[in-house]
Amino acid sequence: MASITVRNIDDTLKERLRVRAATHGHSMEEEVRQILSQAVGGLTGAGLLSLSRDLFSGNSGVDLDLPSRPQDRAAPEFGA
């Protein structure tokens, strides 16, 4: 497993990270791992659902013109 060192972090930012980690009940290192994973790992699960709703609900959606279909095609026959 790889390691990374981040230098020159502002004291205020470090304190905010410490508080955020404590709020989530884990270490600052774990908090940083989760932040990095979310930042570069793409959206999945609840985050993807939330983004989809934001983009495609209400006035943010797109109205599509559906082509008319004058006739349904015949149902297939399943016989022996």
PDB file of N, CA and C in Angstrom:
ATOM      1  N   MET A   1       0.839  -1.161   0.000  1.00  0.00           N
ATOM      2  CA  MET A   1       0.000   0.000   0.000  1.00  0.00           C
ATOM      3  C   MET A   1       0.892   1.235   0.000  1.00  0.00           C
ATOM      4  N   ALA A   2       0.548   2.258  -0.756  1.00  0.00           N
ATOM      5  CA  ALA A   2       1.354   3.464  -0.910  1.00  0.00           C
ATOM      6  C   ALA A   2       1.100   4.455   0.220  1.00  0.00           C
ATOM      7  N   SER A   3       2.077   5.340   0.412  1.00  0.00           N
ATOM      8  CA  SER A   3       1.964   6.425   1.384  1.00  0.00           C
ATOM      9  C   SER A   3       2.205   7.740   0.668  1.00  0.00           C
ATOM     10  N   ILE A   4       1.672   8.808   1.248  1.00  0.00           N
ATOM     11  CA  ILE A   4       1.865  10.135   0.682  1.00  0.00           C
ATOM     12  C   ILE A   4       2.042  11.121   1.832  1.00  0.00           C
ATOM     13  N   THR A   5       2.881  12.107   1.631  1.00  0.00           N
ATOM     14  CA  THR A   5       3.094  13.164   2.613  1.00  0.00           C
ATOM     15  C   THR A   5       2.668  14.483   1.986  1.00  0.00           C
ATOM     16  N   VAL A   6       1.867  15.244   2.701  1.00  0.00           N
ATOM     17  CA  VAL A   6       1.421  16.550   2.211  1.00  0.00           C
ATOM     18  C   VAL A   6       2.001  17.607   3.131  1.00  0.00           C
ATOM     19  N   ARG A   7       2.801  18.486   2.550  1.00  0.00           N
ATOM     20  CA  ARG A   7       3.474  19.523   3.339  1.00  0.00           C
ATOM     21  C   ARG A   7       2.747  20.862   3.193  1.00  0.00           C
ATOM     22  N   ASN A   8       3.058  21.770   4.113  1.00  0.00           N
ATOM     23  CA  ASN A   8       2.579  23.157   4.053  1.00  0.00           C
ATOM     24  C   ASN A   8       1.060  23.277   4.080  1.00  0.00           C
ATOM     25  N   ILE A   9       0.432  22.512   4.938  1.00  0.00           N
ATOM     26  CA  ILE A   9      -1.014  22.625   5.129  1.00  0.00           C
ATOM     27  C   ILE A   9      -1.267  23.728   6.145  1.00  0.00           C
ATOM     28  N   ASP A  10      -2.150  24.623   5.804  1.00  0.00           N
ATOM     29  CA  ASP A  10      -2.508  25.728   6.696  1.00  0.00           C
ATOM     30  C   ASP A  10      -3.063  25.176   8.010  1.00  0.00           C
ATOM     31  N   ASP A  11      -2.695  25.808   9.114  1.00  0.00           N
ATOM     32  CA  ASP A  11      -3.144  25.350  10.437  1.00  0.00           C
ATOM     33  C   ASP A  11      -4.670  25.331  10.544  1.00  0.00           C
ATOM     34  N   THR A  12      -5.316  26.298   9.943  1.00  0.00           N
ATOM     35  CA  THR A  12      -6.780  26.353   9.980  1.00  0.00           C
ATOM     36  C   THR A  12      -7.388  25.162   9.238  1.00  0.00           C
ATOM     37  N   LEU A  13      -6.814  24.836   8.093  1.00  0.00           N
ATOM     38  CA  LEU A  13      -7.299  23.690   7.328  1.00  0.00           C
ATOM     39  C   LEU A  13      -7.090  22.395   8.110  1.00  0.00           C
ATOM     40  N   LYS A  14      -5.936  22.259   8.739  1.00  0.00           N
ATOM     41  CA  LYS A  14      -5.664  21.059   9.530  1.00  0.00           C
ATOM     42  C   LYS A  14      -6.664  20.927  10.677  1.00  0.00           C
ATOM     43  N   GLU A  15      -6.990  22.029  11.321  1.00  0.00           N
ATOM     44  CA  GLU A  15      -7.962  21.989  12.422  1.00  0.00           C
ATOM     45  C   GLU A  15      -9.351  21.612  11.915  1.00  0.00           C
ATOM     46  N   ARG A  16      -9.724  22.146  10.767  1.00  0.00           N
ATOM     47  CA  ARG A  16     -11.026  21.774  10.186  1.00  0.00           C
ATOM     48  C   ARG A  16     -11.057  20.292   9.839  1.00  0.00           C
ATOM     49  N   LEU A  17      -9.958  19.765   9.332  1.00  0.00           N
ATOM     50  CA  LEU A  17      -9.865  18.342   9.021  1.00  0.00           C
ATOM     51  C   LEU A  17      -9.972  17.503  10.290  1.00  0.00           C
ATOM     52  N   ARG A  18      -9.302  17.943  11.363  1.00  0.00           N
ATOM     53  CA  ARG A  18      -9.354  17.226  12.637  1.00  0.00           C
ATOM     54  C   ARG A  18     -10.783  17.174  13.168  1.00  0.00           C
ATOM     55  N   VAL A  19     -11.490  18.303  13.100  1.00  0.00           N
ATOM     56  CA  VAL A  19     -12.874  18.357  13.578  1.00  0.00           C
ATOM     57  C   VAL A  19     -13.776  17.482  12.703  1.00  0.00           C
ATOM     58  N   ARG A  20     -13.568  17.550  11.411  1.00  0.00           N
ATOM     59  CA  ARG A  20     -14.378  16.727  10.497  1.00  0.00           C
ATOM     60  C   ARG A  20     -14.166  15.243  10.766  1.00  0.00           C
ATOM     61  N   ALA A  21     -12.924  14.843  10.966  1.00  0.00           N
ATOM     62  CA  ALA A  21     -12.620  13.442  11.263  1.00  0.00           C
ATOM     63  C   ALA A  21     -13.267  13.018  12.573  1.00  0.00           C
ATOM     64  N   ALA A  22     -13.176  13.871  13.594  1.00  0.00           N
ATOM     65  CA  ALA A  22     -13.793  13.550  14.883  1.00  0.00           C
ATOM     66  C   ALA A  22     -15.306  13.438  14.757  1.00  0.00           C
ATOM     67  N   THR A  23     -15.885  14.284  13.951  1.00  0.00           N
ATOM     68  CA  THR A  23     -17.338  14.232  13.729  1.00  0.00           C
ATOM     69  C   THR A  23     -17.744  12.901  13.104  1.00  0.00           C
ATOM     70  N   HIS A  24     -16.909  12.396  12.207  1.00  0.00           N
ATOM     71  CA  HIS A  24     -17.200  11.116  11.543  1.00  0.00           C
ATOM     72  C   HIS A  24     -16.711   9.915  12.345  1.00  0.00           C
ATOM     73  N   GLY A  25     -16.023  10.179  13.465  1.00  0.00           N
ATOM     74  CA  GLY A  25     -15.620   9.098  14.349  1.00  0.00           C
ATOM     75  C   GLY A  25     -14.387   8.326  13.920  1.00  0.00           C
ATOM     76  N   HIS A  26     -13.486   8.960  13.185  1.00  0.00           N
ATOM     77  CA  HIS A  26     -12.251   8.267  12.833  1.00  0.00           C
ATOM     78  C   HIS A  26     -11.078   9.236  12.771  1.00  0.00           C
ATOM     79  N   SER A  27      -9.913   8.710  12.448  1.00  0.00           N
ATOM     80  CA  SER A  27      -8.673   9.493  12.454  1.00  0.00           C
ATOM     81  C   SER A  27      -8.629  10.481  11.285  1.00  0.00           C
ATOM     82  N   MET A  28      -7.710  11.440  11.403  1.00  0.00           N
ATOM     83  CA  MET A  28      -7.510  12.381  10.298  1.00  0.00           C
ATOM     84  C   MET A  28      -7.018  11.647   9.052  1.00  0.00           C
ATOM     85  N   GLU A  29      -6.155  10.642   9.236  1.00  0.00           N
ATOM     86  CA  GLU A  29      -5.669   9.877   8.087  1.00  0.00           C
ATOM     87  C   GLU A  29      -6.821   9.202   7.348  1.00  0.00           C
ATOM     88  N   GLU A  30      -7.737   8.595   8.104  1.00  0.00           N
ATOM     89  CA  GLU A  30      -8.890   7.940   7.474  1.00  0.00           C
ATOM     90  C   GLU A  30      -9.772   8.968   6.778  1.00  0.00           C
ATOM     91  N   GLU A  31      -9.937  10.112   7.399  1.00  0.00           N
ATOM     92  CA  GLU A  31     -10.746  11.182   6.780  1.00  0.00           C
ATOM     93  C   GLU A  31     -10.125  11.601   5.456  1.00  0.00           C
ATOM     94  N   VAL A  32      -8.802  11.771   5.432  1.00  0.00           N
ATOM     95  CA  VAL A  32      -8.113  12.150   4.192  1.00  0.00           C
ATOM     96  C   VAL A  32      -8.272  11.055   3.148  1.00  0.00           C
ATOM     97  N   ARG A  33      -8.155   9.787   3.556  1.00  0.00           N
ATOM     98  CA  ARG A  33      -8.343   8.679   2.599  1.00  0.00           C
ATOM     99  C   ARG A  33      -9.738   8.733   1.981  1.00  0.00           C
ATOM    100  N   GLN A  34     -10.741   8.971   2.803  1.00  0.00           N
ATOM    101  CA  GLN A  34     -12.109   9.025   2.288  1.00  0.00           C
ATOM    102  C   GLN A  34     -12.320  10.219   1.360  1.00  0.00           C
ATOM    103  N   ILE A  35     -11.767  11.372   1.742  1.00  0.00           N
ATOM    104  CA  ILE A  35     -11.875  12.563   0.894  1.00  0.00           C
ATOM    105  C   ILE A  35     -11.209  12.314  -0.460  1.00  0.00           C
ATOM    106  N   LEU A  36     -10.005  11.754  -0.455  1.00  0.00           N
ATOM    107  CA  LEU A  36      -9.311  11.465  -1.711  1.00  0.00           C
ATOM    108  C   LEU A  36     -10.057  10.441  -2.547  1.00  0.00           C
ATOM    109  N   SER A  37     -10.574   9.422  -1.901  1.00  0.00           N
ATOM    110  CA  SER A  37     -11.323   8.396  -2.617  1.00  0.00           C
ATOM    111  C   SER A  37     -12.552   8.986  -3.308  1.00  0.00           C
ATOM    112  N   GLN A  38     -13.260   9.846  -2.607  1.00  0.00           N
ATOM    113  CA  GLN A  38     -14.440  10.485  -3.196  1.00  0.00           C
ATOM    114  C   GLN A  38     -14.048  11.436  -4.319  1.00  0.00           C
ATOM    115  N   ALA A  39     -12.930  12.136  -4.143  1.00  0.00           N
ATOM    116  CA  ALA A  39     -12.504  13.125  -5.136  1.00  0.00           C
ATOM    117  C   ALA A  39     -12.052  12.496  -6.446  1.00  0.00           C
ATOM    118  N   VAL A  40     -11.377  11.363  -6.379  1.00  0.00           N
ATOM    119  CA  VAL A  40     -10.839  10.767  -7.603  1.00  0.00           C
ATOM    120  C   VAL A  40     -11.503   9.453  -7.974  1.00  0.00           C
ATOM    121  N   GLY A  41     -12.357   8.954  -7.117  1.00  0.00           N
ATOM    122  CA  GLY A  41     -12.965   7.651  -7.358  1.00  0.00           C
ATOM    123  C   GLY A  41     -14.264   7.676  -8.123  1.00  0.00           C
ATOM    124  N   GLY A  42     -14.769   8.857  -8.435  1.00  0.00           N
ATOM    125  CA  GLY A  42     -16.035   8.944  -9.139  1.00  0.00           C
ATOM    126  C   GLY A  42     -17.217   8.827  -8.192  1.00  0.00           C
ATOM    127  N   LEU A  43     -18.389   9.001  -8.741  1.00  0.00           N
ATOM    128  CA  LEU A  43     -19.611   8.949  -7.946  1.00  0.00           C
ATOM    129  C   LEU A  43     -20.223   7.562  -7.983  1.00  0.00           C
ATOM    130  N   THR A  44     -20.670   7.115  -6.844  1.00  0.00           N
ATOM    131  CA  THR A  44     -21.386   5.855  -6.758  1.00  0.00           C
ATOM    132  C   THR A  44     -22.467   5.984  -5.707  1.00  0.00           C
ATOM    133  N   GLY A  45     -23.366   5.060  -5.681  1.00  0.00           N
ATOM    134  CA  GLY A  45     -24.360   4.963  -4.626  1.00  0.00           C
ATOM    135  C   GLY A  45     -25.177   6.213  -4.413  1.00  0.00           C
ATOM    136  N   ALA A  46     -25.289   6.622  -3.162  1.00  0.00           N
ATOM    137  CA  ALA A  46     -26.135   7.747  -2.775  1.00  0.00           C
ATOM    138  C   ALA A  46     -25.700   9.047  -3.445  1.00  0.00           C
ATOM    139  N   GLY A  47     -24.394   9.250  -3.610  1.00  0.00           N
ATOM    140  CA  GLY A  47     -23.912  10.464  -4.262  1.00  0.00           C
ATOM    141  C   GLY A  47     -24.359  10.554  -5.710  1.00  0.00           C
ATOM    142  N   LEU A  48     -24.317   9.440  -6.414  1.00  0.00           N
ATOM    143  CA  LEU A  48     -24.759   9.400  -7.805  1.00  0.00           C
ATOM    144  C   LEU A  48     -26.258   9.636  -7.905  1.00  0.00           C
ATOM    145  N   LEU A  49     -27.020   9.024  -7.015  1.00  0.00           N
ATOM    146  CA  LEU A  49     -28.469   9.213  -7.006  1.00  0.00           C
ATOM    147  C   LEU A  49     -28.812  10.671  -6.736  1.00  0.00           C
ATOM    148  N   SER A  50     -28.162  11.271  -5.767  1.00  0.00           N
ATOM    149  CA  SER A  50     -28.417  12.672  -5.433  1.00  0.00           C
ATOM    150  C   SER A  50     -28.091  13.590  -6.608  1.00  0.00           C
ATOM    151  N   LEU A  51     -26.959  13.369  -7.248  1.00  0.00           N
ATOM    152  CA  LEU A  51     -26.580  14.180  -8.400  1.00  0.00           C
ATOM    153  C   LEU A  51     -27.581  14.003  -9.535  1.00  0.00           C
ATOM    154  N   SER A  52     -28.014  12.770  -9.789  1.00  0.00           N
ATOM    155  CA  SER A  52     -28.992  12.509 -10.841  1.00  0.00           C
ATOM    156  C   SER A  52     -30.291  13.257 -10.583  1.00  0.00           C
ATOM    157  N   ARG A  53     -30.736  13.223  -9.345  1.00  0.00           N
ATOM    158  CA  ARG A  53     -31.976  13.941  -8.993  1.00  0.00           C
ATOM    159  C   ARG A  53     -31.805  15.443  -9.184  1.00  0.00           C
ATOM    160  N   ASP A  54     -30.660  15.969  -8.783  1.00  0.00           N
ATOM    161  CA  ASP A  54     -30.411  17.402  -8.949  1.00  0.00           C
ATOM    162  C   ASP A  54     -30.412  17.793 -10.426  1.00  0.00           C
ATOM    163  N   LEU A  55     -29.817  16.958 -11.256  1.00  0.00           N
ATOM    164  CA  LEU A  55     -29.693  17.288 -12.671  1.00  0.00           C
ATOM    165  C   LEU A  55     -30.978  17.088 -13.461  1.00  0.00           C
ATOM    166  N   PHE A  56     -31.773  16.074 -13.098  1.00  0.00           N
ATOM    167  CA  PHE A  56     -32.875  15.682 -13.970  1.00  0.00           C
ATOM    168  C   PHE A  56     -34.262  15.818 -13.367  1.00  0.00           C
ATOM    169  N   SER A  57     -34.391  16.448 -12.215  1.00  0.00           N
ATOM    170  CA  SER A  57     -35.725  16.616 -11.646  1.00  0.00           C
ATOM    171  C   SER A  57     -36.184  18.052 -11.819  1.00  0.00           C
ATOM    172  N   GLY A  58     -37.483  18.253 -11.718  1.00  0.00           N
ATOM    173  CA  GLY A  58     -38.035  19.601 -11.780  1.00  0.00           C
ATOM    174  C   GLY A  58     -37.749  20.292 -13.090  1.00  0.00           C
ATOM    175  N   ASN A  59     -37.370  21.532 -13.006  1.00  0.00           N
ATOM    176  CA  ASN A  59     -37.113  22.333 -14.199  1.00  0.00           C
ATOM    177  C   ASN A  59     -35.748  22.073 -14.814  1.00  0.00           C
ATOM    178  N   SER A  60     -34.956  21.230 -14.178  1.00  0.00           N
ATOM    179  CA  SER A  60     -33.623  20.957 -14.693  1.00  0.00           C
ATOM    180  C   SER A  60     -33.613  19.841 -15.730  1.00  0.00           C
ATOM    181  N   GLY A  61     -34.733  19.164 -15.898  1.00  0.00           N
ATOM    182  CA  GLY A  61     -34.795  18.034 -16.816  1.00  0.00           C
ATOM    183  C   GLY A  61     -34.912  18.472 -18.263  1.00  0.00           C
ATOM    184  N   VAL A  62     -35.074  17.522 -19.131  1.00  0.00           N
ATOM    185  CA  VAL A  62     -35.179  17.770 -20.558  1.00  0.00           C
ATOM    186  C   VAL A  62     -36.465  17.132 -21.053  1.00  0.00           C
ATOM    187  N   ASP A  63     -37.259  17.898 -21.806  1.00  0.00           N
ATOM    188  CA  ASP A  63     -38.461  17.352 -22.415  1.00  0.00           C
ATOM    189  C   ASP A  63     -38.107  16.818 -23.796  1.00  0.00           C
ATOM    190  N   LEU A  64     -38.460  15.576 -24.041  1.00  0.00           N
ATOM    191  CA  LEU A  64     -38.160  14.952 -25.323  1.00  0.00           C
ATOM    192  C   LEU A  64     -39.444  14.770 -26.117  1.00  0.00           C
ATOM    193  N   ASP A  65     -39.371  15.001 -27.416  1.00  0.00           N
ATOM    194  CA  ASP A  65     -40.496  14.723 -28.296  1.00  0.00           C
ATOM    195  C   ASP A  65     -40.441  13.257 -28.672  1.00  0.00           C
ATOM    196  N   LEU A  66     -41.469  12.519 -28.287  1.00  0.00           N
ATOM    197  CA  LEU A  66     -41.511  11.096 -28.597  1.00  0.00           C
ATOM    198  C   LEU A  66     -42.160  10.897 -29.962  1.00  0.00           C
ATOM    199  N   PRO A  67     -41.596  10.051 -30.800  1.00  0.00           N
ATOM    200  CA  PRO A  67     -42.204   9.809 -32.121  1.00  0.00           C
ATOM    201  C   PRO A  67     -43.521   9.059 -31.961  1.00  0.00           C
ATOM    202  N   SER A  68     -44.435   9.350 -32.856  1.00  0.00           N
ATOM    203  CA  SER A  68     -45.723   8.640 -32.805  1.00  0.00           C
ATOM    204  C   SER A  68     -45.542   7.234 -33.350  1.00  0.00           C
ATOM    205  N   ARG A  69     -46.306   6.320 -32.796  1.00  0.00           N
ATOM    206  CA  ARG A  69     -46.280   4.932 -33.255  1.00  0.00           C
ATOM    207  C   ARG A  69     -47.719   4.543 -33.582  1.00  0.00           C
ATOM    208  N   PRO A  70     -48.052   4.623 -34.833  1.00  0.00           N
ATOM    209  CA  PRO A  70     -49.454   4.390 -35.201  1.00  0.00           C
ATOM    210  C   PRO A  70     -49.930   2.956 -34.941  1.00  0.00           C
ATOM    211  N   GLN A  71     -49.055   2.000 -35.030  1.00  0.00           N
ATOM    212  CA  GLN A  71     -49.467   0.611 -34.836  1.00  0.00           C
ATOM    213  C   GLN A  71     -48.453  -0.111 -33.968  1.00  0.00           C
ATOM    214  N   ASP A  72     -48.988  -0.979 -33.119  1.00  0.00           N
ATOM    215  CA  ASP A  72     -48.096  -1.885 -32.409  1.00  0.00           C
ATOM    216  C   ASP A  72     -47.811  -3.049 -33.336  1.00  0.00           C
ATOM    217  N   ARG A  73     -46.664  -3.635 -33.178  1.00  0.00           N
ATOM    218  CA  ARG A  73     -46.393  -4.805 -34.019  1.00  0.00           C
ATOM    219  C   ARG A  73     -47.110  -6.018 -33.447  1.00  0.00           C
ATOM    220  N   ALA A  74     -47.280  -6.962 -34.272  1.00  0.00           N
ATOM    221  CA  ALA A  74     -48.018  -8.174 -33.879  1.00  0.00           C
ATOM    222  C   ALA A  74     -47.233  -8.944 -32.820  1.00  0.00           C
ATOM    223  N   ALA A  75     -47.972  -9.530 -31.894  1.00  0.00           N
ATOM    224  CA  ALA A  75     -47.332 -10.325 -30.856  1.00  0.00           C
ATOM    225  C   ALA A  75     -46.785 -11.611 -31.463  1.00  0.00           C
ATOM    226  N   PRO A  76     -45.662 -12.088 -30.977  1.00  0.00           N
ATOM    227  CA  PRO A  76     -45.106 -13.332 -31.533  1.00  0.00           C
ATOM    228  C   PRO A  76     -45.976 -14.517 -31.141  1.00  0.00           C
ATOM    229  N   GLU A  77     -45.953 -15.517 -31.993  1.00  0.00           N
ATOM    230  CA  GLU A  77     -46.702 -16.746 -31.718  1.00  0.00           C
ATOM    231  C   GLU A  77     -45.731 -17.807 -31.238  1.00  0.00           C
ATOM    232  N   PHE A  78     -46.054 -18.399 -30.103  1.00  0.00           N
ATOM    233  CA  PHE A  78     -45.228 -19.467 -29.556  1.00  0.00           C
ATOM    234  C   PHE A  78     -46.033 -20.760 -29.674  1.00  0.00           C
ATOM    235  N   GLY A  79     -45.751 -21.504 -30.664  1.00  0.00           N
ATOM    236  CA  GLY A  79     -46.489 -22.756 -30.846  1.00  0.00           C
ATOM    237  C   GLY A  79     -45.538 -23.903 -31.128  1.00  0.00           C
ATOM    238  N   ALA A  80     -46.071 -25.067 -30.992  1.00  0.00           N
ATOM    239  CA  ALA A  80     -45.268 -26.247 -31.238  1.00  0.00           C
ATOM    240  C   ALA A  80     -45.303 -26.649 -32.668  1.00  0.00           C
TER     241      ALA A  80
END
